[in-house]
Amino acid sequence: MRKTLRNTAIVGWMAFLMAIAAEGLFFSIFDPNELALAAGREWDALGAYSIGFFCFWGSFAACGLLALRLTRAVPEGRPRRFA
């Protein structure tokens, strides 16, 4: 349990740092006000930045947790089964 919690914390922190970089890159290319006009919605820039950050953070966290799940070691006595 302790190793799982540690790995989850590492993935969360790395996803946070990557979300910062991705948001900086994304919003240096796209203007939030122009995105709002293209979507037909009206929001302020801070809301777009916040929503974008949490979407990036969630997607990077999901990718990291999936990678952890797929690379988890199988116990010694149990053979791997491929369906």
N, C-alpha and C. Protein backbone atom coordinates (compact mmCIF):
# COMPACT_ATOMS: atom_id res chain seq x y z
N MET A 1 0.83 -1.20 0.00
CA MET A 1 0.00 0.00 0.00
C MET A 1 0.87 1.25 0.00
N ARG A 2 1.95 1.21 0.75
CA ARG A 2 2.80 2.39 0.86
C ARG A 2 3.46 2.73 -0.48
N LYS A 3 3.89 1.70 -1.22
CA LYS A 3 4.50 1.91 -2.52
C LYS A 3 3.48 2.48 -3.51
N THR A 4 2.26 2.00 -3.45
CA THR A 4 1.20 2.50 -4.33
C THR A 4 0.91 3.97 -4.06
N LEU A 5 0.85 4.33 -2.80
CA LEU A 5 0.61 5.73 -2.43
C LEU A 5 1.76 6.62 -2.88
N ARG A 6 2.98 6.13 -2.72
CA ARG A 6 4.15 6.90 -3.16
C ARG A 6 4.14 7.09 -4.67
N ASN A 7 3.85 6.03 -5.41
CA ASN A 7 3.80 6.13 -6.87
C ASN A 7 2.70 7.06 -7.34
N THR A 8 1.56 7.03 -6.66
CA THR A 8 0.46 7.92 -7.01
C THR A 8 0.84 9.37 -6.76
N ALA A 9 1.53 9.63 -5.65
CA ALA A 9 1.98 10.99 -5.36
C ALA A 9 3.00 11.47 -6.39
N ILE A 10 3.89 10.59 -6.81
CA ILE A 10 4.88 10.96 -7.82
C ILE A 10 4.19 11.28 -9.14
N VAL A 11 3.24 10.45 -9.54
CA VAL A 11 2.51 10.70 -10.78
C VAL A 11 1.73 12.02 -10.70
N GLY A 12 1.09 12.27 -9.57
CA GLY A 12 0.35 13.52 -9.41
C GLY A 12 1.23 14.74 -9.50
N TRP A 13 2.42 14.68 -8.89
CA TRP A 13 3.33 15.82 -8.92
C TRP A 13 3.89 16.03 -10.33
N MET A 14 4.29 14.96 -11.00
CA MET A 14 4.80 15.09 -12.36
C MET A 14 3.72 15.59 -13.32
N ALA A 15 2.49 15.13 -13.12
CA ALA A 15 1.38 15.60 -13.96
C ALA A 15 1.13 17.09 -13.71
N PHE A 16 1.27 17.53 -12.47
CA PHE A 16 1.11 18.96 -12.14
C PHE A 16 2.16 19.80 -12.87
N LEU A 17 3.41 19.35 -12.82
CA LEU A 17 4.48 20.11 -13.49
C LEU A 17 4.30 20.11 -15.00
N MET A 18 3.88 19.00 -15.57
CA MET A 18 3.65 18.94 -17.01
C MET A 18 2.45 19.80 -17.42
N ALA A 19 1.44 19.86 -16.55
CA ALA A 19 0.27 20.70 -16.85
C ALA A 19 0.66 22.17 -16.90
N ILE A 20 1.57 22.58 -16.03
CA ILE A 20 2.05 23.97 -16.06
C ILE A 20 2.72 24.26 -17.40
N ALA A 21 3.60 23.36 -17.82
CA ALA A 21 4.30 23.55 -19.09
C ALA A 21 3.33 23.51 -20.28
N ALA A 22 2.41 22.57 -20.27
CA ALA A 22 1.47 22.44 -21.38
C ALA A 22 0.54 23.64 -21.47
N GLU A 23 0.10 24.13 -20.32
CA GLU A 23 -0.78 25.30 -20.35
C GLU A 23 -0.03 26.53 -20.85
N GLY A 24 1.21 26.69 -20.42
CA GLY A 24 2.01 27.81 -20.91
C GLY A 24 2.19 27.75 -22.41
N LEU A 25 2.47 26.58 -22.92
CA LEU A 25 2.65 26.42 -24.36
C LEU A 25 1.34 26.61 -25.12
N PHE A 26 0.26 26.00 -24.62
CA PHE A 26 -1.02 26.08 -25.30
C PHE A 26 -1.55 27.51 -25.37
N PHE A 27 -1.51 28.20 -24.22
CA PHE A 27 -2.07 29.55 -24.21
C PHE A 27 -1.11 30.61 -24.71
N SER A 28 0.13 30.23 -25.02
CA SER A 28 0.99 31.17 -25.75
C SER A 28 0.68 31.12 -27.24
N ILE A 29 0.05 30.03 -27.68
CA ILE A 29 -0.34 29.90 -29.08
C ILE A 29 -1.78 30.39 -29.30
N PHE A 30 -2.69 30.01 -28.39
CA PHE A 30 -4.11 30.34 -28.54
C PHE A 30 -4.54 31.35 -27.50
N ASP A 31 -5.32 32.33 -27.94
CA ASP A 31 -5.86 33.35 -27.04
C ASP A 31 -7.18 32.84 -26.46
N PRO A 32 -7.37 32.90 -25.14
CA PRO A 32 -8.61 32.40 -24.55
C PRO A 32 -9.85 33.13 -25.05
N ASN A 33 -9.73 34.41 -25.34
CA ASN A 33 -10.89 35.17 -25.83
C ASN A 33 -11.29 34.70 -27.23
N GLU A 34 -10.31 34.38 -28.08
CA GLU A 34 -10.63 33.87 -29.41
C GLU A 34 -11.21 32.46 -29.33
N LEU A 35 -10.74 31.67 -28.38
CA LEU A 35 -11.32 30.33 -28.19
C LEU A 35 -12.78 30.44 -27.75
N ALA A 36 -13.07 31.41 -26.91
CA ALA A 36 -14.45 31.61 -26.46
C ALA A 36 -15.34 32.01 -27.63
N LEU A 37 -14.84 32.87 -28.50
CA LEU A 37 -15.63 33.28 -29.67
C LEU A 37 -15.85 32.10 -30.61
N ALA A 38 -14.82 31.27 -30.79
CA ALA A 38 -14.95 30.12 -31.69
C ALA A 38 -15.92 29.09 -31.11
N ALA A 39 -15.98 28.97 -29.80
CA ALA A 39 -16.88 28.01 -29.17
C ALA A 39 -18.29 28.56 -29.01
N GLY A 40 -18.46 29.84 -29.25
CA GLY A 40 -19.78 30.44 -29.09
C GLY A 40 -20.17 30.66 -27.63
N ARG A 41 -19.20 30.71 -26.78
CA ARG A 41 -19.44 30.91 -25.35
C ARG A 41 -18.80 32.22 -24.92
N GLU A 42 -19.14 32.60 -23.71
CA GLU A 42 -18.55 33.82 -23.17
C GLU A 42 -17.98 33.52 -21.80
N TRP A 43 -16.66 33.57 -21.67
CA TRP A 43 -16.02 33.39 -20.38
C TRP A 43 -14.84 34.33 -20.29
N ASP A 44 -14.36 34.52 -19.10
CA ASP A 44 -13.20 35.38 -18.94
C ASP A 44 -11.92 34.55 -19.08
N ALA A 45 -10.80 35.21 -19.24
CA ALA A 45 -9.54 34.53 -19.49
C ALA A 45 -9.12 33.66 -18.30
N LEU A 46 -9.34 34.14 -17.07
CA LEU A 46 -8.94 33.37 -15.90
C LEU A 46 -9.69 32.04 -15.82
N GLY A 47 -10.96 32.04 -16.17
CA GLY A 47 -11.73 30.80 -16.20
C GLY A 47 -11.19 29.82 -17.23
N ALA A 48 -10.83 30.34 -18.40
CA ALA A 48 -10.27 29.48 -19.45
C ALA A 48 -8.93 28.91 -19.01
N TYR A 49 -8.10 29.73 -18.37
CA TYR A 49 -6.82 29.24 -17.87
C TYR A 49 -7.01 28.15 -16.81
N SER A 50 -7.96 28.35 -15.92
CA SER A 50 -8.21 27.38 -14.85
C SER A 50 -8.74 26.06 -15.40
N ILE A 51 -9.72 26.14 -16.28
CA ILE A 51 -10.29 24.93 -16.88
C ILE A 51 -9.23 24.20 -17.70
N GLY A 52 -8.45 24.94 -18.46
CA GLY A 52 -7.38 24.34 -19.25
C GLY A 52 -6.35 23.64 -18.38
N PHE A 53 -5.97 24.29 -17.27
CA PHE A 53 -4.98 23.69 -16.38
C PHE A 53 -5.49 22.38 -15.80
N PHE A 54 -6.73 22.36 -15.31
CA PHE A 54 -7.25 21.14 -14.71
C PHE A 54 -7.46 20.04 -15.75
N CYS A 55 -7.80 20.41 -16.96
CA CYS A 55 -7.92 19.39 -18.03
C CYS A 55 -6.56 18.80 -18.36
N PHE A 56 -5.54 19.64 -18.49
CA PHE A 56 -4.19 19.14 -18.74
C PHE A 56 -3.71 18.28 -17.58
N TRP A 57 -3.94 18.73 -16.36
CA TRP A 57 -3.48 17.99 -15.18
C TRP A 57 -4.16 16.62 -15.12
N GLY A 58 -5.46 16.59 -15.34
CA GLY A 58 -6.18 15.33 -15.32
C GLY A 58 -5.74 14.37 -16.40
N SER A 59 -5.50 14.89 -17.59
CA SER A 59 -5.09 14.00 -18.68
C SER A 59 -3.68 13.46 -18.45
N PHE A 60 -2.77 14.28 -17.96
CA PHE A 60 -1.42 13.78 -17.67
C PHE A 60 -1.44 12.80 -16.51
N ALA A 61 -2.27 13.04 -15.51
CA ALA A 61 -2.38 12.12 -14.38
C ALA A 61 -2.95 10.78 -14.83
N ALA A 62 -3.95 10.82 -15.68
CA ALA A 62 -4.54 9.57 -16.20
C ALA A 62 -3.51 8.78 -17.00
N CYS A 63 -2.73 9.46 -17.81
CA CYS A 63 -1.69 8.77 -18.59
C CYS A 63 -0.63 8.16 -17.67
N GLY A 64 -0.23 8.88 -16.65
CA GLY A 64 0.77 8.37 -15.72
C GLY A 64 0.27 7.19 -14.93
N LEU A 65 -0.97 7.27 -14.45
CA LEU A 65 -1.54 6.15 -13.69
C LEU A 65 -1.74 4.92 -14.57
N LEU A 66 -2.11 5.14 -15.82
CA LEU A 66 -2.24 4.02 -16.75
C LEU A 66 -0.88 3.37 -17.01
N ALA A 67 0.16 4.19 -17.14
CA ALA A 67 1.50 3.63 -17.33
C ALA A 67 1.94 2.83 -16.11
N LEU A 68 1.63 3.33 -14.91
CA LEU A 68 1.95 2.57 -13.70
C LEU A 68 1.21 1.24 -13.67
N ARG A 69 -0.03 1.27 -14.05
CA ARG A 69 -0.85 0.06 -14.02
C ARG A 69 -0.33 -0.97 -15.02
N LEU A 70 0.05 -0.51 -16.20
CA LEU A 70 0.50 -1.43 -17.24
C LEU A 70 1.90 -1.98 -16.99
N THR A 71 2.70 -1.29 -16.20
CA THR A 71 4.06 -1.75 -15.94
C THR A 71 4.22 -2.39 -14.57
N ARG A 72 3.13 -2.61 -13.88
CA ARG A 72 3.19 -3.22 -12.55
C ARG A 72 3.70 -4.66 -12.67
N ALA A 73 4.57 -5.03 -11.76
CA ALA A 73 5.16 -6.37 -11.78
C ALA A 73 4.14 -7.41 -11.34
N VAL A 74 4.23 -8.57 -11.94
CA VAL A 74 3.37 -9.70 -11.59
C VAL A 74 4.07 -10.49 -10.48
N PRO A 75 3.35 -10.93 -9.45
CA PRO A 75 3.99 -11.75 -8.41
C PRO A 75 4.65 -12.99 -9.01
N GLU A 76 5.68 -13.49 -8.33
CA GLU A 76 6.54 -14.55 -8.87
C GLU A 76 5.80 -15.85 -9.19
N GLY A 77 4.87 -16.28 -8.37
CA GLY A 77 4.21 -17.56 -8.58
C GLY A 77 3.08 -17.53 -9.58
N ARG A 78 2.69 -16.37 -10.07
CA ARG A 78 1.53 -16.25 -10.94
C ARG A 78 1.93 -15.98 -12.38
N PRO A 79 1.58 -16.83 -13.33
CA PRO A 79 1.95 -16.57 -14.74
C PRO A 79 1.06 -15.46 -15.33
N ARG A 80 1.59 -14.77 -16.28
CA ARG A 80 0.81 -13.75 -16.98
C ARG A 80 -0.15 -14.41 -17.94
N ARG A 81 -1.34 -13.88 -18.01
CA ARG A 81 -2.34 -14.40 -18.96
C ARG A 81 -2.66 -13.31 -19.96
N PHE A 82 -2.57 -13.66 -21.19
CA PHE A 82 -2.90 -12.72 -22.25
C PHE A 82 -4.18 -13.24 -22.92
N ALA A 83 -5.16 -12.38 -22.98
CA ALA A 83 -6.45 -12.80 -23.56
C ALA A 83 -6.49 -12.57 -25.04
